[in-house]
Amino acid sequence: MAIKNCPKCKKIFSPVGGSVICPECVKAEEEEFEKVRTYLRDNRGADINVVSDETGVSTKKILKYLREGRLEVSEGIADFLKCEKCGVPIRSGQYCRACSEKVSKNLSSVLVVKEENSNKSGAKMHIRRK
């Protein structure tokens, strides 16, 4: 069983499901997200600085929620969030639809090539029985 230190609180924990922070910090982050979500539900279209001031959640974390696709910029607010690849304004996430589709196609083609190569080697996988 792997153990590591939480980068936020420095407590030792056992990562579950690929989590990089401890369960207590995950819970605290979810509580902060819920504060932001609740505030935005009651104050649609609020400015990020106002949301940060009113909820006590940093603008950096609010931007993280936008990039993760958990929040969305209000329609009509251009140039706030941009596609990381081409710079086109977007409402949430990291990429615009066109760039997402290109990345998806590229990944699919890599997986197909890799699958073809693995089949050529004759290597097969199975579940190990005890």
C-alpha atoms as a PDB file:
ATOM      1  CA  MET A   1       0.000   0.000   0.000  1.00  0.00           C
ATOM      2  CA  ALA A   2       1.465   3.334  -1.065  1.00  0.00           C
ATOM      3  CA  ILE A   3       1.471   6.289   1.289  1.00  0.00           C
ATOM      4  CA  LYS A   4       2.417   9.886   0.636  1.00  0.00           C
ATOM      5  CA  ASN A   5       2.281  13.340   2.161  1.00  0.00           C
ATOM      6  CA  CYS A   6      -0.569  15.634   1.205  1.00  0.00           C
ATOM      7  CA  PRO A   7       0.940  18.607  -0.662  1.00  0.00           C
ATOM      8  CA  LYS A   8      -1.562  20.939   1.025  1.00  0.00           C
ATOM      9  CA  CYS A   9      -1.568  19.975   4.704  1.00  0.00           C
ATOM     10  CA  LYS A  10       1.512  17.680   4.773  1.00  0.00           C
ATOM     11  CA  LYS A  11      -0.415  14.861   6.516  1.00  0.00           C
ATOM     12  CA  ILE A  12       0.420  11.289   5.562  1.00  0.00           C
ATOM     13  CA  PHE A  13      -2.355   9.523   3.640  1.00  0.00           C
ATOM     14  CA  SER A  14      -2.961   6.570   1.371  1.00  0.00           C
ATOM     15  CA  PRO A  15      -4.041   7.776  -2.106  1.00  0.00           C
ATOM     16  CA  VAL A  16      -7.331   6.299  -3.282  1.00  0.00           C
ATOM     17  CA  GLY A  17      -8.560   6.527  -6.858  1.00  0.00           C
ATOM     18  CA  GLY A  18      -5.661   8.661  -8.048  1.00  0.00           C
ATOM     19  CA  SER A  19      -6.273  11.423  -5.516  1.00  0.00           C
ATOM     20  CA  VAL A  20      -3.242  13.674  -5.024  1.00  0.00           C
ATOM     21  CA  ILE A  21      -4.481  15.277  -1.790  1.00  0.00           C
ATOM     22  CA  CYS A  22      -5.733  13.740   1.448  1.00  0.00           C
ATOM     23  CA  PRO A  23      -9.447  13.086   2.083  1.00  0.00           C
ATOM     24  CA  GLU A  24      -9.689  16.020   4.522  1.00  0.00           C
ATOM     25  CA  CYS A  25      -8.313  18.443   1.917  1.00  0.00           C
ATOM     26  CA  VAL A  26     -10.605  16.958  -0.749  1.00  0.00           C
ATOM     27  CA  LYS A  27     -13.551  17.608   1.574  1.00  0.00           C
ATOM     28  CA  ALA A  28     -12.381  21.188   2.244  1.00  0.00           C
ATOM     29  CA  GLU A  29     -12.010  21.830  -1.515  1.00  0.00           C
ATOM     30  CA  GLU A  30     -15.491  20.456  -2.185  1.00  0.00           C
ATOM     31  CA  GLU A  31     -16.911  22.723   0.525  1.00  0.00           C
ATOM     32  CA  GLU A  32     -15.231  25.729  -1.127  1.00  0.00           C
ATOM     33  CA  PHE A  33     -16.580  24.713  -4.521  1.00  0.00           C
ATOM     34  CA  GLU A  34     -20.054  24.362  -3.037  1.00  0.00           C
ATOM     35  CA  LYS A  35     -19.796  27.906  -1.579  1.00  0.00           C
ATOM     36  CA  VAL A  36     -18.948  29.259  -5.039  1.00  0.00           C
ATOM     37  CA  ARG A  37     -21.695  27.229  -6.725  1.00  0.00           C
ATOM     38  CA  THR A  38     -24.310  28.337  -4.194  1.00  0.00           C
ATOM     39  CA  TYR A  39     -23.250  31.976  -4.519  1.00  0.00           C
ATOM     40  CA  LEU A  40     -23.438  31.806  -8.318  1.00  0.00           C
ATOM     41  CA  ARG A  41     -26.845  30.141  -8.198  1.00  0.00           C
ATOM     42  CA  ASP A  42     -28.147  33.164  -6.286  1.00  0.00           C
ATOM     43  CA  ASN A  43     -26.047  35.780  -8.150  1.00  0.00           C
ATOM     44  CA  ARG A  44     -25.857  34.682 -11.790  1.00  0.00           C
ATOM     45  CA  GLY A  45     -23.286  36.532 -13.865  1.00  0.00           C
ATOM     46  CA  ALA A  46     -21.289  37.783 -10.876  1.00  0.00           C
ATOM     47  CA  ASP A  47     -17.724  38.953 -11.504  1.00  0.00           C
ATOM     48  CA  ILE A  48     -14.952  36.555 -10.412  1.00  0.00           C
ATOM     49  CA  ASN A  49     -13.498  39.120  -7.994  1.00  0.00           C
ATOM     50  CA  VAL A  50     -16.881  39.668  -6.358  1.00  0.00           C
ATOM     51  CA  VAL A  51     -17.428  35.901  -6.082  1.00  0.00           C
ATOM     52  CA  SER A  52     -14.006  35.559  -4.481  1.00  0.00           C
ATOM     53  CA  ASP A  53     -14.636  38.400  -2.022  1.00  0.00           C
ATOM     54  CA  GLU A  54     -18.087  37.136  -1.064  1.00  0.00           C
ATOM     55  CA  THR A  55     -17.158  33.460  -0.667  1.00  0.00           C
ATOM     56  CA  GLY A  56     -13.582  33.732   0.564  1.00  0.00           C
ATOM     57  CA  VAL A  57     -12.444  31.373  -2.222  1.00  0.00           C
ATOM     58  CA  SER A  58      -9.414  32.600  -4.168  1.00  0.00           C
ATOM     59  CA  THR A  59      -9.765  33.671  -7.799  1.00  0.00           C
ATOM     60  CA  LYS A  60      -7.073  31.092  -8.618  1.00  0.00           C
ATOM     61  CA  LYS A  61      -9.325  28.282  -7.335  1.00  0.00           C
ATOM     62  CA  ILE A  62     -12.355  29.698  -9.151  1.00  0.00           C
ATOM     63  CA  LEU A  63     -10.321  29.719 -12.388  1.00  0.00           C
ATOM     64  CA  LYS A  64      -9.348  26.105 -11.646  1.00  0.00           C
ATOM     65  CA  TYR A  65     -13.054  25.190 -11.378  1.00  0.00           C
ATOM     66  CA  LEU A  66     -13.665  26.892 -14.733  1.00  0.00           C
ATOM     67  CA  ARG A  67     -10.760  25.015 -16.368  1.00  0.00           C
ATOM     68  CA  GLU A  68     -12.018  21.733 -14.923  1.00  0.00           C
ATOM     69  CA  GLY A  69     -15.395  22.423 -16.526  1.00  0.00           C
ATOM     70  CA  ARG A  70     -17.179  22.549 -13.163  1.00  0.00           C
ATOM     71  CA  LEU A  71     -18.242  26.168 -13.694  1.00  0.00           C
ATOM     72  CA  GLU A  72     -19.057  28.162 -16.798  1.00  0.00           C
ATOM     73  CA  VAL A  73     -18.496  31.809 -17.726  1.00  0.00           C
ATOM     74  CA  SER A  74     -21.755  33.653 -18.426  1.00  0.00           C
ATOM     75  CA  GLU A  75     -22.716  34.057 -22.045  1.00  0.00           C
ATOM     76  CA  GLY A  76     -21.640  37.347 -23.568  1.00  0.00           C
ATOM     77  CA  ILE A  77     -18.510  37.730 -21.451  1.00  0.00           C
ATOM     78  CA  ALA A  78     -15.851  37.374 -24.110  1.00  0.00           C
ATOM     79  CA  ASP A  79     -12.107  37.109 -23.648  1.00  0.00           C
ATOM     80  CA  PHE A  80     -12.242  36.020 -20.009  1.00  0.00           C
ATOM     81  CA  LEU A  81     -11.379  32.382 -20.590  1.00  0.00           C
ATOM     82  CA  LYS A  82      -9.494  31.325 -23.703  1.00  0.00           C
ATOM     83  CA  CYS A  83      -8.699  28.033 -25.399  1.00  0.00           C
ATOM     84  CA  GLU A  84      -5.205  26.977 -24.337  1.00  0.00           C
ATOM     85  CA  LYS A  85      -4.391  25.858 -27.872  1.00  0.00           C
ATOM     86  CA  CYS A  86      -5.780  28.509 -30.236  1.00  0.00           C
ATOM     87  CA  GLY A  87      -6.816  31.397 -27.944  1.00  0.00           C
ATOM     88  CA  VAL A  88     -10.500  31.502 -28.962  1.00  0.00           C
ATOM     89  CA  PRO A  89     -12.842  32.637 -26.133  1.00  0.00           C
ATOM     90  CA  ILE A  90     -14.529  29.711 -24.340  1.00  0.00           C
ATOM     91  CA  ARG A  91     -17.016  29.412 -21.485  1.00  0.00           C
ATOM     92  CA  SER A  92     -15.374  26.552 -19.558  1.00  0.00           C
ATOM     93  CA  GLY A  93     -12.710  23.864 -19.794  1.00  0.00           C
ATOM     94  CA  GLN A  94      -9.304  24.133 -21.412  1.00  0.00           C
ATOM     95  CA  TYR A  95     -10.032  23.880 -25.125  1.00  0.00           C
ATOM     96  CA  CYS A  96     -12.621  25.081 -27.615  1.00  0.00           C
ATOM     97  CA  ARG A  97     -14.772  22.477 -29.349  1.00  0.00           C
ATOM     98  CA  ALA A  98     -12.612  22.436 -32.505  1.00  0.00           C
ATOM     99  CA  CYS A  99      -9.348  21.931 -30.595  1.00  0.00           C
ATOM    100  CA  SER A 100     -10.972  19.298 -28.351  1.00  0.00           C
ATOM    101  CA  GLU A 101     -12.034  17.362 -31.425  1.00  0.00           C
ATOM    102  CA  LYS A 102      -8.519  17.601 -32.908  1.00  0.00           C
ATOM    103  CA  VAL A 103      -6.938  16.394 -29.662  1.00  0.00           C
ATOM    104  CA  SER A 104      -9.478  13.569 -29.461  1.00  0.00           C
ATOM    105  CA  LYS A 105      -8.775  12.486 -33.051  1.00  0.00           C
ATOM    106  CA  ASN A 106      -5.018  12.587 -32.425  1.00  0.00           C
ATOM    107  CA  LEU A 107      -5.386  10.473 -29.287  1.00  0.00           C
ATOM    108  CA  SER A 108      -7.628   8.008 -31.098  1.00  0.00           C
ATOM    109  CA  SER A 109      -5.133   7.600 -33.930  1.00  0.00           C
ATOM    110  CA  VAL A 110      -2.282   7.059 -31.449  1.00  0.00           C
ATOM    111  CA  LEU A 111      -4.314   4.413 -29.633  1.00  0.00           C
ATOM    112  CA  VAL A 112      -5.174   2.652 -32.900  1.00  0.00           C
ATOM    113  CA  VAL A 113      -1.513   2.608 -33.975  1.00  0.00           C
ATOM    114  CA  LYS A 114      -0.454   1.394 -30.544  1.00  0.00           C
ATOM    115  CA  GLU A 115      -3.134  -1.325 -30.611  1.00  0.00           C
ATOM    116  CA  GLU A 116      -1.991  -2.470 -34.064  1.00  0.00           C
ATOM    117  CA  ASN A 117       1.617  -2.611 -32.874  1.00  0.00           C
ATOM    118  CA  SER A 118       0.713  -4.567 -29.741  1.00  0.00           C
ATOM    119  CA  ASN A 119      -1.211  -7.114 -31.811  1.00  0.00           C
ATOM    120  CA  LYS A 120       1.842  -7.635 -34.050  1.00  0.00           C
ATOM    121  CA  SER A 121       4.003  -8.568 -31.093  1.00  0.00           C
ATOM    122  CA  GLY A 122       1.669 -11.410 -30.198  1.00  0.00           C
ATOM    123  CA  ALA A 123       1.580 -10.269 -26.562  1.00  0.00           C
ATOM    124  CA  LYS A 124      -1.720 -11.035 -24.919  1.00  0.00           C
ATOM    125  CA  MET A 125      -3.093 -10.098 -21.538  1.00  0.00           C
ATOM    126  CA  HIS A 126      -5.298 -12.014 -19.151  1.00  0.00           C
ATOM    127  CA  ILE A 127      -6.524 -11.911 -15.577  1.00  0.00           C
ATOM    128  CA  ARG A 128      -4.201 -13.708 -13.240  1.00  0.00           C
ATOM    129  CA  ARG A 129      -5.941 -16.340 -11.204  1.00  0.00           C
ATOM    130  CA  LYS A 130      -4.730 -17.163  -7.729  1.00  0.00           C
END
